[in-house]
C-alpha atoms as a PDB file:
ATOM      1  CA  MET A   1     128.779  92.855 100.462  1.00  0.00           C
ATOM      2  CA  PRO A   2     129.629  89.090 100.568  1.00  0.00           C
ATOM      3  CA  SER A   3     127.709  87.121 103.177  1.00  0.00           C
ATOM      4  CA  GLU A   4     130.830  85.093 104.044  1.00  0.00           C
ATOM      5  CA  THR A   5     132.551  88.187 105.422  1.00  0.00           C
ATOM      6  CA  THR A   6     129.589  90.122 106.800  1.00  0.00           C
ATOM      7  CA  VAL A   7     128.258  90.383 110.330  1.00  0.00           C
ATOM      8  CA  TYR A   8     124.514  91.089 110.288  1.00  0.00           C
ATOM      9  CA  VAL A   9     123.063  93.154 113.122  1.00  0.00           C
ATOM     10  CA  ALA A  10     119.404  94.032 113.693  1.00  0.00           C
ATOM     11  CA  VAL A  11     118.199  96.386 116.422  1.00  0.00           C
ATOM     12  CA  GLU A  12     114.637  96.147 117.704  1.00  0.00           C
ATOM     13  CA  LEU A  13     114.014  99.624 119.120  1.00  0.00           C
ATOM     14  CA  SER A  14     111.725 100.447 122.021  1.00  0.00           C
ATOM     15  CA  VAL A  15     111.481 103.111 124.698  1.00  0.00           C
ATOM     16  CA  SER A  16     112.973 101.215 127.633  1.00  0.00           C
ATOM     17  CA  SER A  17     115.330  98.741 125.960  1.00  0.00           C
ATOM     18  CA  TRP A  18     116.865  97.727 122.650  1.00  0.00           C
ATOM     19  CA  LEU A  19     117.169  94.092 121.580  1.00  0.00           C
ATOM     20  CA  VAL A  20     120.221  93.532 119.366  1.00  0.00           C
ATOM     21  CA  ALA A  21     120.267  90.377 117.247  1.00  0.00           C
ATOM     22  CA  ALA A  22     123.584  89.510 115.607  1.00  0.00           C
ATOM     23  CA  ARG A  23     124.668  86.754 113.273  1.00  0.00           C
ATOM     24  CA  SER A  24     128.354  86.370 112.583  1.00  0.00           C
ATOM     25  CA  ALA A  25     129.787  85.484 109.204  1.00  0.00           C
ATOM     26  CA  GLY A  26     129.259  81.785 108.476  1.00  0.00           C
ATOM     27  CA  ALA A  27     127.062  81.204 111.543  1.00  0.00           C
ATOM     28  CA  GLU A  28     123.561  79.772 111.296  1.00  0.00           C
ATOM     29  CA  LYS A  29     122.143  80.936 114.618  1.00  0.00           C
ATOM     30  CA  SER A  30     121.838  84.478 115.864  1.00  0.00           C
ATOM     31  CA  ARG A  31     122.803  85.787 119.278  1.00  0.00           C
ATOM     32  CA  LEU A  32     120.636  88.212 121.249  1.00  0.00           C
ATOM     33  CA  HIS A  33     121.823  91.074 123.423  1.00  0.00           C
ATOM     34  CA  ARG A  34     119.518  93.402 125.365  1.00  0.00           C
ATOM     35  CA  ILE A  35     120.765  96.892 126.151  1.00  0.00           C
ATOM     36  CA  GLN A  36     119.189  99.998 127.623  1.00  0.00           C
ATOM     37  CA  GLY A  37     117.195 102.107 125.188  1.00  0.00           C
ATOM     38  CA  GLY A  38     119.282 104.922 123.719  1.00  0.00           C
ATOM     39  CA  ASP A  39     122.599 103.525 125.020  1.00  0.00           C
ATOM     40  CA  THR A  40     124.613 104.031 121.855  1.00  0.00           C
ATOM     41  CA  THR A  41     127.939 103.621 123.648  1.00  0.00           C
ATOM     42  CA  THR A  42     127.095 100.032 124.554  1.00  0.00           C
ATOM     43  CA  LEU A  43     125.713  99.398 121.059  1.00  0.00           C
ATOM     44  CA  LEU A  44     128.878 100.613 119.346  1.00  0.00           C
ATOM     45  CA  ALA A  45     131.034  98.617 121.757  1.00  0.00           C
ATOM     46  CA  LEU A  46     128.967  95.496 121.050  1.00  0.00           C
ATOM     47  CA  ILE A  47     129.277  95.939 117.281  1.00  0.00           C
ATOM     48  CA  THR A  48     133.034  96.474 117.630  1.00  0.00           C
ATOM     49  CA  GLU A  49     133.314  93.293 119.684  1.00  0.00           C
ATOM     50  CA  LEU A  50     131.294  91.292 117.154  1.00  0.00           C
ATOM     51  CA  ARG A  51     133.456  92.562 114.311  1.00  0.00           C
ATOM     52  CA  SER A  52     136.642  91.737 116.204  1.00  0.00           C
ATOM     53  CA  ARG A  53     135.503  88.185 116.990  1.00  0.00           C
ATOM     54  CA  ALA A  54     134.455  87.486 113.411  1.00  0.00           C
ATOM     55  CA  SER A  55     137.699  88.960 112.055  1.00  0.00           C
ATOM     56  CA  THR A  56     139.776  86.814 114.404  1.00  0.00           C
ATOM     57  CA  LYS A  57     137.800  83.688 113.503  1.00  0.00           C
ATOM     58  CA  LEU A  58     138.061  84.196 109.736  1.00  0.00           C
ATOM     59  CA  GLY A  59     141.534  85.662 109.744  1.00  0.00           C
ATOM     60  CA  ARG A  60     140.560  88.647 107.610  1.00  0.00           C
ATOM     61  CA  ALA A  61     138.613  91.890 107.824  1.00  0.00           C
ATOM     62  CA  VAL A  62     134.843  91.646 107.935  1.00  0.00           C
ATOM     63  CA  ASP A  63     132.034  94.100 107.213  1.00  0.00           C
ATOM     64  CA  VAL A  64     129.128  94.965 109.497  1.00  0.00           C
ATOM     65  CA  ALA A  65     125.601  95.603 108.209  1.00  0.00           C
ATOM     66  CA  CYS A  66     123.124  96.965 110.744  1.00  0.00           C
ATOM     67  CA  CYS A  67     119.418  97.576 110.286  1.00  0.00           C
ATOM     68  CA  PHE A  68     116.406  98.773 112.250  1.00  0.00           C
ATOM     69  CA  GLU A  69     112.818  99.674 111.436  1.00  0.00           C
ATOM     70  CA  ALA A  70     111.742 103.222 110.696  1.00  0.00           C
ATOM     71  CA  GLY A  71     109.700 104.640 113.552  1.00  0.00           C
ATOM     72  CA  ARG A  72     109.545 107.232 116.283  1.00  0.00           C
ATOM     73  CA  ASP A  73     113.343 107.250 116.737  1.00  0.00           C
ATOM     74  CA  GLY A  74     113.789 108.931 113.371  1.00  0.00           C
ATOM     75  CA  PHE A  75     117.118 108.733 111.561  1.00  0.00           C
ATOM     76  CA  TRP A  76     119.649 109.892 114.129  1.00  0.00           C
ATOM     77  CA  LEU A  77     120.778 106.318 114.810  1.00  0.00           C
ATOM     78  CA  HIS A  78     121.414 105.762 111.097  1.00  0.00           C
ATOM     79  CA  ARG A  79     123.609 108.861 110.982  1.00  0.00           C
ATOM     80  CA  LEU A  80     125.487 107.786 114.118  1.00  0.00           C
ATOM     81  CA  LEU A  81     126.232 104.306 112.778  1.00  0.00           C
ATOM     82  CA  THR A  82     127.253 105.680 109.390  1.00  0.00           C
ATOM     83  CA  ALA A  83     129.616 108.150 111.045  1.00  0.00           C
ATOM     84  CA  HIS A  84     131.357 105.203 112.751  1.00  0.00           C
ATOM     85  CA  GLY A  85     131.858 103.342 109.474  1.00  0.00           C
ATOM     86  CA  ILE A  86     128.958 100.912 109.886  1.00  0.00           C
ATOM     87  CA  ALA A  87     126.683 100.213 106.916  1.00  0.00           C
ATOM     88  CA  ALA A  88     123.245 101.113 108.289  1.00  0.00           C
ATOM     89  CA  TYR A  89     119.882 100.384 106.698  1.00  0.00           C
ATOM     90  CA  VAL A  90     116.407 101.589 107.683  1.00  0.00           C
ATOM     91  CA  LEU A  91     113.619  99.133 106.900  1.00  0.00           C
ATOM     92  CA  GLU A  92     110.084 100.126 105.949  1.00  0.00           C
ATOM     93  CA  PRO A  93     108.071  98.094 108.504  1.00  0.00           C
ATOM     94  CA  THR A  94     104.924  97.673 106.399  1.00  0.00           C
ATOM     95  CA  SER A  95     106.896  96.234 103.469  1.00  0.00           C
ATOM     96  CA  ILE A  96     108.162  93.204 105.404  1.00  0.00           C
ATOM     97  CA  LEU A  97     106.256  90.001 104.669  1.00  0.00           C
ATOM     98  CA  VAL A  98     104.723  88.363 107.743  1.00  0.00           C
ATOM     99  CA  ASN A  99     102.791  85.201 108.503  1.00  0.00           C
ATOM    100  CA  ARG A 100      99.228  85.602 107.223  1.00  0.00           C
ATOM    101  CA  ARG A 101      97.600  83.531 109.948  1.00  0.00           C
ATOM    102  CA  ALA A 102      94.920  85.341 111.899  1.00  0.00           C
ATOM    103  CA  ARG A 103      96.829  85.020 115.168  1.00  0.00           C
ATOM    104  CA  ARG A 104     100.604  84.885 115.101  1.00  0.00           C
ATOM    105  CA  ALA A 105     103.273  85.196 117.736  1.00  0.00           C
ATOM    106  CA  LYS A 106     104.922  88.592 117.996  1.00  0.00           C
ATOM    107  CA  THR A 107     107.868  89.245 120.267  1.00  0.00           C
ATOM    108  CA  ASP A 108     110.969  91.400 120.132  1.00  0.00           C
ATOM    109  CA  ARG A 109     113.068  88.282 119.537  1.00  0.00           C
ATOM    110  CA  LEU A 110     110.991  87.171 116.542  1.00  0.00           C
ATOM    111  CA  ASP A 111     111.016  90.690 115.093  1.00  0.00           C
ATOM    112  CA  ALA A 112     114.789  91.075 115.480  1.00  0.00           C
ATOM    113  CA  GLU A 113     115.527  87.678 113.963  1.00  0.00           C
ATOM    114  CA  GLY A 114     113.103  88.399 111.144  1.00  0.00           C
ATOM    115  CA  MET A 115     114.930  91.644 110.371  1.00  0.00           C
ATOM    116  CA  LEU A 116     118.200  89.708 110.209  1.00  0.00           C
ATOM    117  CA  ARG A 117     116.781  87.361 107.569  1.00  0.00           C
ATOM    118  CA  VAL A 118     115.316  90.258 105.609  1.00  0.00           C
ATOM    119  CA  LEU A 119     118.590  92.197 105.693  1.00  0.00           C
ATOM    120  CA  ALA A 120     120.616  89.191 104.535  1.00  0.00           C
ATOM    121  CA  ALA A 121     118.208  88.511 101.670  1.00  0.00           C
ATOM    122  CA  TRP A 122     118.150  92.173 100.617  1.00  0.00           C
ATOM    123  CA  LEU A 123     121.946  92.423 100.579  1.00  0.00           C
ATOM    124  CA  ALA A 124     122.080  89.159  98.617  1.00  0.00           C
ATOM    125  CA  GLY A 125     120.149  90.866  95.820  1.00  0.00           C
ATOM    126  CA  ASP A 126     116.475  90.168  96.607  1.00  0.00           C
ATOM    127  CA  ARG A 127     115.024  93.671  96.389  1.00  0.00           C
ATOM    128  CA  GLN A 128     111.440  92.389  96.682  1.00  0.00           C
ATOM    129  CA  VAL A 129     111.859  91.106 100.230  1.00  0.00           C
ATOM    130  CA  CYS A 130     111.369  94.589 101.701  1.00  0.00           C
ATOM    131  CA  SER A 131     111.751  98.299 101.012  1.00  0.00           C
ATOM    132  CA  MET A 132     114.569 100.393 102.401  1.00  0.00           C
ATOM    133  CA  VAL A 133     113.903 103.951 103.502  1.00  0.00           C
ATOM    134  CA  ARG A 134     115.819 106.705 101.761  1.00  0.00           C
ATOM    135  CA  VAL A 135     117.310 108.598 104.708  1.00  0.00           C
ATOM    136  CA  PRO A 136     117.165 112.392 104.237  1.00  0.00           C
ATOM    137  CA  THR A 137     120.009 114.663 105.174  1.00  0.00           C
ATOM    138  CA  PRO A 138     119.640 116.734 108.364  1.00  0.00           C
ATOM    139  CA  GLU A 139     119.023 119.816 106.200  1.00  0.00           C
ATOM    140  CA  GLU A 140     116.289 118.072 104.172  1.00  0.00           C
ATOM    141  CA  GLU A 141     114.659 116.782 107.335  1.00  0.00           C
ATOM    142  CA  ASP A 142     114.731 120.203 108.997  1.00  0.00           C
ATOM    143  CA  ALA A 143     113.226 121.848 105.905  1.00  0.00           C
ATOM    144  CA  LYS A 144     110.065 119.760 106.410  1.00  0.00           C
ATOM    145  CA  ARG A 145     109.349 121.293 109.794  1.00  0.00           C
ATOM    146  CA  PRO A 146     107.353 124.410 108.730  1.00  0.00           C
ATOM    147  CA  HIS A 147     104.637 122.676 106.696  1.00  0.00           C
ATOM    148  CA  ARG A 148     104.400 119.806 109.197  1.00  0.00           C
ATOM    149  CA  GLU A 149     103.997 122.268 112.057  1.00  0.00           C
ATOM    150  CA  ARG A 150     101.353 124.121 110.079  1.00  0.00           C
ATOM    151  CA  GLU A 151      99.491 120.858 109.484  1.00  0.00           C
ATOM    152  CA  HIS A 152      99.347 120.143 113.223  1.00  0.00           C
ATOM    153  CA  LEU A 153      98.156 123.693 113.920  1.00  0.00           C
ATOM    154  CA  VAL A 154      95.422 123.411 111.287  1.00  0.00           C
ATOM    155  CA  GLN A 155      94.267 120.144 112.873  1.00  0.00           C
ATOM    156  CA  GLU A 156      94.211 121.854 116.263  1.00  0.00           C
ATOM    157  CA  ARG A 157      92.141 124.691 114.807  1.00  0.00           C
ATOM    158  CA  LEU A 158      89.634 122.227 113.357  1.00  0.00           C
ATOM    159  CA  ARG A 159      89.371 120.360 116.670  1.00  0.00           C
ATOM    160  CA  ILE A 160      88.595 123.582 118.532  1.00  0.00           C
ATOM    161  CA  GLU A 161      86.047 124.717 115.952  1.00  0.00           C
ATOM    162  CA  ASN A 162      84.308 121.332 116.041  1.00  0.00           C
ATOM    163  CA  ARG A 163      84.255 121.415 119.839  1.00  0.00           C
ATOM    164  CA  ILE A 164      82.612 124.851 119.847  1.00  0.00           C
ATOM    165  CA  GLU A 165      79.985 123.708 117.359  1.00  0.00           C
ATOM    166  CA  ALA A 166      79.328 120.503 119.341  1.00  0.00           C
ATOM    167  CA  LEU A 167      78.812 122.419 122.609  1.00  0.00           C
ATOM    168  CA  LEU A 168      76.398 124.831 120.954  1.00  0.00           C
ATOM    169  CA  PHE A 169      74.555 122.012 119.215  1.00  0.00           C
ATOM    170  CA  THR A 170      73.756 120.434 122.581  1.00  0.00           C
ATOM    171  CA  GLN A 171      71.808 123.617 123.371  1.00  0.00           C
ATOM    172  CA  GLY A 172      69.929 123.614 120.086  1.00  0.00           C
ATOM    173  CA  ILE A 173      72.140 126.287 118.484  1.00  0.00           C
ATOM    174  CA  ARG A 174      73.308 125.630 114.947  1.00  0.00           C
ATOM    175  CA  LYS A 175      75.188 128.850 114.264  1.00  0.00           C
ATOM    176  CA  ARG A 176      78.728 129.475 115.514  1.00  0.00           C
ATOM    177  CA  PRO A 177      79.612 132.973 116.764  1.00  0.00           C
ATOM    178  CA  SER A 178      82.023 135.012 114.665  1.00  0.00           C
ATOM    179  CA  LEU A 179      85.443 135.750 116.145  1.00  0.00           C
ATOM    180  CA  ARG A 180      85.149 139.359 114.972  1.00  0.00           C
ATOM    181  CA  SER A 181      81.982 139.953 117.013  1.00  0.00           C
ATOM    182  CA  TRP A 182      82.253 137.178 119.559  1.00  0.00           C
ATOM    183  CA  VAL A 183      80.988 139.057 122.636  1.00  0.00           C
ATOM    184  CA  ARG A 184      77.908 140.436 120.871  1.00  0.00           C
ATOM    185  CA  ASP A 185      77.057 137.129 119.147  1.00  0.00           C
ATOM    186  CA  VAL A 186      77.382 135.080 122.325  1.00  0.00           C
ATOM    187  CA  ALA A 187      75.206 137.532 124.232  1.00  0.00           C
ATOM    188  CA  GLU A 188      72.484 137.206 121.582  1.00  0.00           C
ATOM    189  CA  LEU A 189      72.535 133.411 121.490  1.00  0.00           C
ATOM    190  CA  ARG A 190      69.519 131.597 122.884  1.00  0.00           C
ATOM    191  CA  THR A 191      69.072 127.889 123.476  1.00  0.00           C
ATOM    192  CA  GLY A 192      66.488 125.864 121.618  1.00  0.00           C
ATOM    193  CA  ASP A 193      64.022 126.349 124.459  1.00  0.00           C
ATOM    194  CA  GLY A 194      64.603 130.132 124.626  1.00  0.00           C
ATOM    195  CA  ARG A 195      67.076 130.421 127.522  1.00  0.00           C
ATOM    196  CA  GLU A 196      70.355 132.286 127.693  1.00  0.00           C
ATOM    197  CA  LEU A 197      73.542 130.273 127.570  1.00  0.00           C
ATOM    198  CA  PRO A 198      74.478 128.754 130.957  1.00  0.00           C
ATOM    199  CA  CYS A 199      77.236 130.595 132.808  1.00  0.00           C
ATOM    200  CA  LEU A 200      79.786 127.765 132.879  1.00  0.00           C
ATOM    201  CA  LEU A 201      79.190 127.017 129.197  1.00  0.00           C
ATOM    202  CA  ARG A 202      79.966 130.648 128.309  1.00  0.00           C
ATOM    203  CA  ILE A 203      83.199 130.407 130.321  1.00  0.00           C
ATOM    204  CA  GLU A 204      84.227 127.230 128.468  1.00  0.00           C
ATOM    205  CA  LEU A 205      83.398 128.811 125.114  1.00  0.00           C
ATOM    206  CA  GLU A 206      85.538 131.820 126.008  1.00  0.00           C
ATOM    207  CA  ARG A 207      88.517 129.552 126.754  1.00  0.00           C
ATOM    208  CA  LEU A 208      87.998 127.761 123.466  1.00  0.00           C
ATOM    209  CA  ARG A 209      87.860 131.123 121.694  1.00  0.00           C
ATOM    210  CA  ARG A 210      91.239 132.105 123.160  1.00  0.00           C
ATOM    211  CA  ARG A 211      92.736 128.776 122.082  1.00  0.00           C
ATOM    212  CA  LEU A 212      91.299 129.243 118.600  1.00  0.00           C
ATOM    213  CA  VAL A 213      92.720 132.743 118.287  1.00  0.00           C
ATOM    214  CA  LEU A 214      96.138 131.495 119.418  1.00  0.00           C
ATOM    215  CA  ALA A 215      96.059 128.666 116.862  1.00  0.00           C
ATOM    216  CA  LEU A 216      95.183 131.128 114.083  1.00  0.00           C
ATOM    217  CA  GLU A 217      97.979 133.468 115.135  1.00  0.00           C
ATOM    218  CA  LEU A 218     100.505 130.621 115.125  1.00  0.00           C
ATOM    219  CA  ILE A 219      99.352 129.508 111.668  1.00  0.00           C
ATOM    220  CA  HIS A 220      99.863 133.033 110.320  1.00  0.00           C
ATOM    221  CA  GLU A 221     103.272 133.177 112.027  1.00  0.00           C
ATOM    222  CA  VAL A 222     104.420 129.915 110.438  1.00  0.00           C
ATOM    223  CA  GLU A 223     103.199 131.038 107.009  1.00  0.00           C
ATOM    224  CA  ALA A 224     104.966 134.393 107.367  1.00  0.00           C
ATOM    225  CA  ASP A 225     108.225 132.721 108.419  1.00  0.00           C
ATOM    226  CA  ARG A 226     107.967 130.352 105.457  1.00  0.00           C
ATOM    227  CA  ALA A 227     107.386 133.184 103.000  1.00  0.00           C
ATOM    228  CA  GLU A 228     110.298 135.119 104.472  1.00  0.00           C
ATOM    229  CA  ALA A 229     112.599 132.098 104.200  1.00  0.00           C
ATOM    230  CA  LEU A 230     111.609 131.532 100.567  1.00  0.00           C
ATOM    231  CA  ALA A 231     112.255 135.184  99.737  1.00  0.00           C
ATOM    232  CA  ALA A 232     115.695 135.014 101.370  1.00  0.00           C
ATOM    233  CA  THR A 233     116.669 131.945  99.319  1.00  0.00           C
ATOM    234  CA  ALA A 234     115.222 132.901  95.954  1.00  0.00           C
ATOM    235  CA  ASP A 235     118.251 131.548  94.080  1.00  0.00           C
ATOM    236  CA  ASP A 236     118.018 128.098  95.671  1.00  0.00           C
ATOM    237  CA  LYS A 237     116.891 125.287  93.345  1.00  0.00           C
ATOM    238  CA  THR A 238     114.359 123.995  95.850  1.00  0.00           C
ATOM    239  CA  THR A 239     112.836 127.458  96.223  1.00  0.00           C
ATOM    240  CA  GLN A 240     112.641 127.778  92.440  1.00  0.00           C
ATOM    241  CA  LYS A 241     110.740 124.471  92.264  1.00  0.00           C
ATOM    242  CA  ILE A 242     108.247 125.728  94.838  1.00  0.00           C
ATOM    243  CA  ALA A 243     107.780 128.993  92.938  1.00  0.00           C
ATOM    244  CA  ALA A 244     107.298 127.132  89.643  1.00  0.00           C
ATOM    245  CA  LEU A 245     104.633 124.856  91.140  1.00  0.00           C
ATOM    246  CA  GLN A 246     102.721 127.828  92.538  1.00  0.00           C
ATOM    247  CA  ARG A 247     102.270 129.133  89.006  1.00  0.00           C
ATOM    248  CA  LEU A 248     100.065 126.109  88.261  1.00  0.00           C
ATOM    249  CA  ARG A 249      96.367 126.656  88.785  1.00  0.00           C
ATOM    250  CA  GLY A 250      95.076 124.962  91.913  1.00  0.00           C
ATOM    251  CA  ILE A 251      98.442 124.617  93.676  1.00  0.00           C
ATOM    252  CA  GLY A 252      99.025 127.017  96.539  1.00  0.00           C
ATOM    253  CA  PRO A 253     102.132 127.775  98.575  1.00  0.00           C
ATOM    254  CA  ASN A 254     101.459 125.108 101.196  1.00  0.00           C
ATOM    255  CA  PHE A 255     100.904 122.194  98.797  1.00  0.00           C
ATOM    256  CA  ALA A 256     103.837 123.328  96.663  1.00  0.00           C
ATOM    257  CA  ALA A 257     106.085 123.231  99.729  1.00  0.00           C
ATOM    258  CA  VAL A 258     104.783 119.799 100.736  1.00  0.00           C
ATOM    259  CA  LEU A 259     105.273 118.458  97.213  1.00  0.00           C
ATOM    260  CA  VAL A 260     108.853 119.678  96.948  1.00  0.00           C
ATOM    261  CA  ARG A 261     109.980 119.000 100.525  1.00  0.00           C
ATOM    262  CA  GLU A 262     108.287 115.619 100.911  1.00  0.00           C
ATOM    263  CA  VAL A 263     108.383 114.151  97.386  1.00  0.00           C
ATOM    264  CA  LEU A 264     110.519 115.961  94.851  1.00  0.00           C
ATOM    265  CA  TYR A 265     113.579 116.238  97.094  1.00  0.00           C
ATOM    266  CA  ARG A 266     114.418 112.652  96.113  1.00  0.00           C
ATOM    267  CA  SER A 267     114.732 110.912  92.753  1.00  0.00           C
ATOM    268  CA  PHE A 268     112.476 108.215  91.300  1.00  0.00           C
ATOM    269  CA  ALA A 269     113.474 105.670  88.679  1.00  0.00           C
ATOM    270  CA  ASN A 270     110.020 105.612  87.065  1.00  0.00           C
ATOM    271  CA  ARG A 271     106.515 106.956  87.470  1.00  0.00           C
ATOM    272  CA  ARG A 272     105.365 103.782  89.214  1.00  0.00           C
ATOM    273  CA  GLN A 273     107.732 104.516  92.088  1.00  0.00           C
ATOM    274  CA  LEU A 274     106.408 108.071  92.266  1.00  0.00           C
ATOM    275  CA  VAL A 275     102.713 107.153  92.471  1.00  0.00           C
ATOM    276  CA  SER A 276     103.493 104.362  94.951  1.00  0.00           C
ATOM    277  CA  TYR A 277     105.374 106.821  97.145  1.00  0.00           C
ATOM    278  CA  VAL A 278     102.387 109.158  97.389  1.00  0.00           C
ATOM    279  CA  GLY A 279      99.862 106.309  97.654  1.00  0.00           C
ATOM    280  CA  ILE A 280      97.918 106.710  94.409  1.00  0.00           C
ATOM    281  CA  ALA A 281      99.119 103.612  92.561  1.00  0.00           C
ATOM    282  CA  PRO A 282      96.299 101.437  91.139  1.00  0.00           C
ATOM    283  CA  MET A 283      95.705  98.066  92.759  1.00  0.00           C
ATOM    284  CA  PRO A 284      95.440  95.319  90.092  1.00  0.00           C
ATOM    285  CA  ASP A 285      92.991  92.471  90.636  1.00  0.00           C
ATOM    286  CA  GLN A 286      93.801  89.693  88.171  1.00  0.00           C
ATOM    287  CA  SER A 287      92.841  86.050  88.503  1.00  0.00           C
ATOM    288  CA  GLY A 288      91.826  83.690  85.722  1.00  0.00           C
ATOM    289  CA  GLY A 289      89.626  85.550  83.277  1.00  0.00           C
ATOM    290  CA  MET A 290      89.198  88.581  85.561  1.00  0.00           C
ATOM    291  CA  ASP A 291      91.530  91.513  85.017  1.00  0.00           C
ATOM    292  CA  ARG A 292      90.679  94.894  86.472  1.00  0.00           C
ATOM    293  CA  ASP A 293      92.014  97.724  88.594  1.00  0.00           C
ATOM    294  CA  ARG A 294      90.630  98.219  92.059  1.00  0.00           C
ATOM    295  CA  SER A 295      90.792 101.448  94.003  1.00  0.00           C
ATOM    296  CA  ILE A 296      94.113 103.173  94.630  1.00  0.00           C
ATOM    297  CA  SER A 297      96.379 101.744  97.321  1.00  0.00           C
ATOM    298  CA  ARG A 298      96.554 104.819  99.630  1.00  0.00           C
ATOM    299  CA  ALA A 299      99.684 103.182 101.089  1.00  0.00           C
ATOM    300  CA  GLY A 300     102.135 106.025 100.723  1.00  0.00           C
ATOM    301  CA  THR A 301     103.767 108.871 102.588  1.00  0.00           C
ATOM    302  CA  ARG A 302     101.037 110.360 104.769  1.00  0.00           C
ATOM    303  CA  GLY A 303     101.361 114.069 103.999  1.00  0.00           C
ATOM    304  CA  PRO A 304     101.590 113.960 100.188  1.00  0.00           C
ATOM    305  CA  ALA A 305      99.131 111.063  99.977  1.00  0.00           C
ATOM    306  CA  ARG A 306      96.468 113.041 101.839  1.00  0.00           C
ATOM    307  CA  ARG A 307      96.792 116.016  99.509  1.00  0.00           C
ATOM    308  CA  SER A 308      97.399 114.235  96.208  1.00  0.00           C
ATOM    309  CA  SER A 309      93.768 113.119  95.912  1.00  0.00           C
ATOM    310  CA  SER A 310      92.627 116.763  95.782  1.00  0.00           C
ATOM    311  CA  SER A 311      95.380 118.284  93.656  1.00  0.00           C
ATOM    312  CA  PRO A 312      94.914 118.742  89.885  1.00  0.00           C
ATOM    313  CA  GLY A 313      98.620 118.141  89.421  1.00  0.00           C
ATOM    314  CA  PHE A 314      98.120 114.575  90.569  1.00  0.00           C
ATOM    315  CA  GLY A 315      94.850 113.907  88.807  1.00  0.00           C
ATOM    316  CA  CYS A 316      91.511 113.797  90.620  1.00  0.00           C
ATOM    317  CA  ALA A 317      89.742 110.640  89.579  1.00  0.00           C
ATOM    318  CA  THR A 318      86.940 108.405  90.755  1.00  0.00           C
ATOM    319  CA  SER A 319      87.348 105.364  92.957  1.00  0.00           C
ATOM    320  CA  ARG A 320      87.838 103.133  89.901  1.00  0.00           C
ATOM    321  CA  ALA A 321      90.445 105.463  88.498  1.00  0.00           C
ATOM    322  CA  ALA A 322      93.757 104.423  87.103  1.00  0.00           C
ATOM    323  CA  ARG A 323      95.346 107.314  88.938  1.00  0.00           C
ATOM    324  CA  SER A 324      98.792 108.577  88.128  1.00  0.00           C
ATOM    325  CA  PRO A 325     100.486 111.989  88.349  1.00  0.00           C
ATOM    326  CA  LEU A 326     100.855 114.678  85.730  1.00  0.00           C
ATOM    327  CA  GLY A 327      98.286 113.213  83.374  1.00  0.00           C
ATOM    328  CA  PHE A 328      99.698 109.692  82.955  1.00  0.00           C
ATOM    329  CA  VAL A 329      97.112 106.948  82.512  1.00  0.00           C
ATOM    330  CA  SER A 330      97.517 103.319  83.410  1.00  0.00           C
ATOM    331  CA  ALA A 331      98.411 100.581  80.975  1.00  0.00           C
ATOM    332  CA  SER A 332      94.903  99.105  81.227  1.00  0.00           C
ATOM    333  CA  ALA A 333      93.338 102.482  80.356  1.00  0.00           C
ATOM    334  CA  ARG A 334      95.613 102.879  77.323  1.00  0.00           C
ATOM    335  CA  TYR A 335      94.769  99.312  76.239  1.00  0.00           C
ATOM    336  CA  ARG A 336      91.034  99.938  76.363  1.00  0.00           C
ATOM    337  CA  GLY A 337      91.474 103.200  74.514  1.00  0.00           C
ATOM    338  CA  ALA A 338      93.489 101.516  71.745  1.00  0.00           C
ATOM    339  CA  ARG A 339      90.660  98.987  71.242  1.00  0.00           C
ATOM    340  CA  GLY A 340      88.131 101.739  70.785  1.00  0.00           C
ATOM    341  CA  GLY A 341      86.794 101.639  74.318  1.00  0.00           C
ATOM    342  CA  SER A 342      86.859 104.366  76.905  1.00  0.00           C
ATOM    343  CA  PRO A 343      88.941 104.292  80.081  1.00  0.00           C
ATOM    344  CA  SER A 344      87.037 103.310  83.208  1.00  0.00           C
ATOM    345  CA  TRP A 345      87.564 106.686  84.862  1.00  0.00           C
ATOM    346  CA  GLN A 346      86.473 110.278  84.425  1.00  0.00           C
ATOM    347  CA  TRP A 347      88.050 113.504  85.555  1.00  0.00           C
ATOM    348  CA  ARG A 348      86.095 115.296  88.231  1.00  0.00           C
ATOM    349  CA  GLY A 349      84.779 118.705  87.477  1.00  0.00           C
ATOM    350  CA  SER A 350      86.792 120.381  90.200  1.00  0.00           C
ATOM    351  CA  CYS A 351      89.980 119.387  91.980  1.00  0.00           C
END
């Protein structure tokens, strides 16, 4: 996409308003336009007007490249722009280089203009200036819903359980009642000074019990729906990947679904991209005569990154580990091994 015939557009998204920064082909300065948040009709009309002006000025057809940062708006805007023939790009916000001063100015205008510079550099061939998000299809995005919903329900269950334990601990009770015999166990509970549980505390515990039971029922419902969907699509390649992963020791149905839906649905050029995506790439620390690997980066996709540290398929290693998936070791570990030394990591006994 030649810069001489390209109109660059960056959209700084927010809840109430969108700030659109545009730089026409051959222009040095950008122009700012503020529109109402979610007003795609005005956005498309603005892009059409910018394209028309640039085409009239240059006397030939021009391209439009539009970008915005990945965030709470998801990918619907990318699909809308693409459907209207506009080259859309989704930037990974944490990959954009910023001023390293302790206190720096941050406004929507600076962010939008910064995205314009990043987009122009990336399209000019500088792939190190930022990372672009691989936008999933609507079907791929919808397939992630079951395990993400289950994750939120499990977190809700843990919050309720911790709240019950905290309330009982304030009364000197260190044992949580069983859901199977809740009424009997609560009636037998005594505070640390020998009293029965206060009336209002028992009422609050009963409400928490009902919330806990509901969370457990919803978790079982999501798991049953997922199993039913997998059984109905047994011939699908994605389902076959999930079934194959479950045959590995230590990988259950939930982690297999997360691994396939969140990671293996896309392609990676090399193993470094894979471990970076899940946040287990080693962090080199080299300066002068010092050359070592620090802890892993943990800067990856949240769901897979959280589970990869406890899955044997991704290698459970110590904090100094040269971690990499499927048994790969880092270049520094191979180098030390070739010289007769031992790698600076050990496999844990259990993963």
